[in-house]
Amino acid sequence: MTRKVRIETAGVQTWAGRDEAGEIIEEKEETITTAEGTWSVQNGRDFLLYDEETQDGTVRTMIKLSPEKMEVIRSGAVRSRLELEPGRICEAWYNLPAGRLALKIHTTGLEAVRENGCLRMVCAEYRLIWGDGMEVSCRLEVRVLSEA
């Protein structure tokens, strides 16, 4: 069963640091995108597939959701693979126009909401870690809004 759906993704990235005076500052970046895509269930796993236009070109995103983890695989202008599994620290990468960025992901939460057997929302909370301990706290919500 594959259904055409409208998908909204909302991401929040929060990082803390110190300003020139040594005061702790916190910065937050929020993004929301909406796209037409598909939702299907295969072997007990949910699959969302959609394309989005970015400043670098078209990016195709596939989200695989099982009861224990979520994978976010992007291809096209930006390539990446994130594995979000609560309680685990997973290695990940982003291939960007500027080069490849290796990351570690520590997932602290993953929740899926269903209505009448259909996936309506999945939310992941995690930390991205790279370099010499640089860290960003992230929250990703993916909502299946309606059939397209």
Protein backbone atom coordinates (compact mmCIF):
# COMPACT_ATOMS: atom_id res chain seq x y z
CA MET A 1 0.00 0.00 0.00
CA THR A 2 1.47 3.35 -1.09
CA ARG A 3 -0.35 6.61 -0.54
CA LYS A 4 0.39 10.08 -1.84
CA VAL A 5 0.67 12.41 1.14
CA ARG A 6 1.68 15.90 2.19
CA ILE A 7 4.68 15.86 4.55
CA GLU A 8 5.82 18.64 6.87
CA THR A 9 9.20 18.55 8.57
CA ALA A 10 10.04 20.85 11.45
CA GLY A 11 13.58 20.95 12.75
CA VAL A 12 15.06 22.82 15.69
CA GLN A 13 18.80 23.00 16.32
CA THR A 14 20.07 24.60 19.52
CA TRP A 15 23.68 25.22 20.43
CA ALA A 16 25.35 27.03 23.29
CA GLY A 17 28.66 28.85 23.44
CA ARG A 18 30.35 31.87 24.92
CA ASP A 19 30.47 35.37 23.53
CA GLU A 20 33.59 37.58 23.49
CA ALA A 21 32.95 38.64 27.10
CA GLY A 22 32.73 35.00 28.23
CA GLU A 23 28.96 35.08 28.75
CA ILE A 24 27.05 31.93 27.84
CA ILE A 25 24.84 32.42 24.83
CA GLU A 26 22.35 30.07 23.21
CA GLU A 27 21.38 30.14 19.57
CA LYS A 28 18.43 28.39 18.01
CA GLU A 29 17.63 27.73 14.36
CA GLU A 30 14.23 26.50 13.26
CA THR A 31 13.24 25.25 9.82
CA ILE A 32 9.92 24.07 8.45
CA THR A 33 9.44 22.52 5.02
CA THR A 34 6.41 21.04 3.31
CA ALA A 35 6.47 18.66 0.36
CA GLU A 36 4.33 16.21 -1.56
CA GLY A 37 5.52 12.64 -1.14
CA THR A 38 4.53 9.06 -0.48
CA TRP A 39 3.94 6.94 2.61
CA SER A 40 4.03 3.16 2.52
CA VAL A 41 4.37 0.22 4.88
CA GLN A 42 6.59 -2.72 3.97
CA ASN A 43 7.46 -5.61 6.29
CA GLY A 44 6.19 -3.68 9.31
CA ARG A 45 8.27 -0.57 8.57
CA ASP A 46 6.98 2.84 7.51
CA PHE A 47 8.61 4.59 4.55
CA LEU A 48 8.25 8.28 3.69
CA LEU A 49 9.73 9.55 0.44
CA TYR A 50 9.75 13.16 -0.75
CA ASP A 51 11.77 15.73 -2.70
CA GLU A 52 12.59 19.25 -1.63
CA GLU A 53 14.27 22.13 -3.40
CA THR A 54 17.26 23.68 -1.62
CA GLN A 55 19.68 26.43 -2.57
CA ASP A 56 22.07 23.67 -3.75
CA GLY A 57 19.44 21.83 -5.83
CA THR A 58 16.93 19.01 -5.38
CA VAL A 59 17.30 16.71 -2.37
CA ARG A 60 15.42 13.41 -2.15
CA THR A 61 14.70 12.23 1.40
CA MET A 62 13.72 8.73 2.46
CA ILE A 63 12.69 8.09 6.05
CA LYS A 64 12.55 4.50 7.26
CA LEU A 65 10.79 3.97 10.57
CA SER A 66 10.72 0.76 12.58
CA PRO A 67 9.66 0.35 16.22
CA GLU A 68 13.26 0.68 17.42
CA LYS A 69 14.82 3.31 15.11
CA MET A 70 14.45 5.87 12.34
CA GLU A 71 16.81 6.29 9.39
CA VAL A 72 16.94 9.51 7.38
CA ILE A 73 18.67 9.05 4.01
CA ARG A 74 19.16 12.04 1.71
CA SER A 75 20.48 11.98 -1.84
CA GLY A 76 20.94 14.51 -4.60
CA ALA A 77 22.41 17.96 -3.95
CA VAL A 78 23.05 17.00 -0.31
CA ARG A 79 23.81 13.42 0.68
CA SER A 80 23.58 12.13 4.23
CA ARG A 81 22.59 9.16 6.32
CA LEU A 82 21.39 9.52 9.90
CA GLU A 83 20.45 6.58 12.10
CA LEU A 84 18.39 7.60 15.12
CA GLU A 85 18.11 4.84 17.71
CA PRO A 86 17.41 5.78 21.34
CA GLY A 87 20.19 4.91 23.76
CA ARG A 88 22.82 4.44 21.06
CA ILE A 89 25.54 6.66 19.68
CA CYS A 90 25.68 6.10 15.92
CA GLU A 91 28.11 7.40 13.35
CA ALA A 92 26.73 9.49 10.52
CA TRP A 93 27.89 11.72 7.68
CA TYR A 94 26.86 14.59 5.47
CA ASN A 95 28.28 15.11 1.99
CA LEU A 96 28.00 18.83 1.36
CA PRO A 97 29.30 20.95 -1.51
CA ALA A 98 32.10 22.05 0.86
CA GLY A 99 33.07 18.43 1.67
CA ARG A 100 32.22 15.46 3.89
CA LEU A 101 31.36 15.99 7.55
CA ALA A 102 31.60 13.01 9.92
CA LEU A 103 29.26 13.10 12.93
CA LYS A 104 28.17 11.09 15.92
CA ILE A 105 24.49 11.03 16.83
CA HIS A 106 23.26 10.39 20.35
CA THR A 107 19.49 9.82 20.15
CA THR A 108 17.64 10.56 23.38
CA GLY A 109 14.06 10.08 22.19
CA LEU A 110 11.97 8.68 19.36
CA GLU A 111 8.18 8.61 19.26
CA ALA A 112 5.67 7.76 16.53
CA VAL A 113 1.99 8.72 16.57
CA ARG A 114 -0.55 6.72 14.58
CA GLU A 115 -4.20 7.32 13.88
CA ASN A 116 -6.43 4.57 12.47
CA GLY A 117 -3.34 2.57 11.52
CA CYS A 118 -1.75 5.46 9.60
CA LEU A 119 1.47 7.21 10.56
CA ARG A 120 0.67 10.82 11.51
CA MET A 121 3.84 12.05 13.19
CA VAL A 122 7.30 10.94 14.25
CA CYS A 123 9.53 12.95 16.54
CA ALA A 124 13.22 12.39 17.25
CA GLU A 125 15.41 14.19 19.77
CA TYR A 126 19.15 13.82 19.43
CA ARG A 127 22.55 15.45 19.75
CA LEU A 128 24.96 15.87 16.83
CA ILE A 129 28.62 15.71 17.90
CA TRP A 130 31.61 16.45 15.66
CA GLY A 131 35.19 17.65 15.73
CA ASP A 132 36.65 18.28 19.16
CA GLY A 133 33.40 17.89 21.04
CA MET A 134 31.30 20.47 19.21
CA GLU A 135 27.67 19.65 19.89
CA VAL A 136 24.19 20.68 18.74
CA SER A 137 20.89 19.58 20.31
CA CYS A 138 18.28 18.73 17.67
CA ARG A 139 14.59 17.95 17.45
CA LEU A 140 13.03 16.68 14.23
CA GLU A 141 9.28 16.33 13.78
CA VAL A 142 7.91 14.77 10.62
CA ARG A 143 4.15 15.09 10.16
CA VAL A 144 2.04 13.27 7.61
CA LEU A 145 -0.62 15.94 7.11
CA SER A 146 -3.03 14.47 4.61
CA GLU A 147 -3.38 12.52 1.43
CA ALA A 148 -2.21 14.63 -1.52
